């Protein structure tokens, strides 16, 4: 929709390009413009970008190690379970974990990227992308602080 100033409808230059709220009720004669209000963008002057997620270094390091160890375990490269507890241990035992039904080449995994959710108490979520030759896997998990340090507590 191009809006032109009402004072001079013959003016060819449209109004500034910015968002407008437009109320369009359906009347007897069809659609009618009932209200046209510019959207208040003043909040944008005050909104600050979110700060980066601050995690304990030990937690971030444990999450990176877990992501690679978990893919290596599911690929059959290692037989030892990665550091897990609670629901994650149960999911692996039942074959309901994130990569249980995925065929992964028997190759060493490499962490491509990992992102973290904000920590709450003694836990935080992580999403990792891990590659093995010819394949890329992305999965999410919950890291929890335990007496033994940071471990995966659940698959998300």
Foldseek 3Di string as FASTA:
>chain_A
DFAPDPVDVVDPDTDDDADWDWDWDQDPVGTDTDDIGGDDPVVVVVDDPDDAADDDPLQVVLVQVQVQQCLLCLQVLDVDHRFEDAAAVVCVVVQNADCSPPHDHNFGKDWPDKGWDHDDDFKTKMWTWIDGVPDIDIFMFMWGQDPVGIGTYHTD
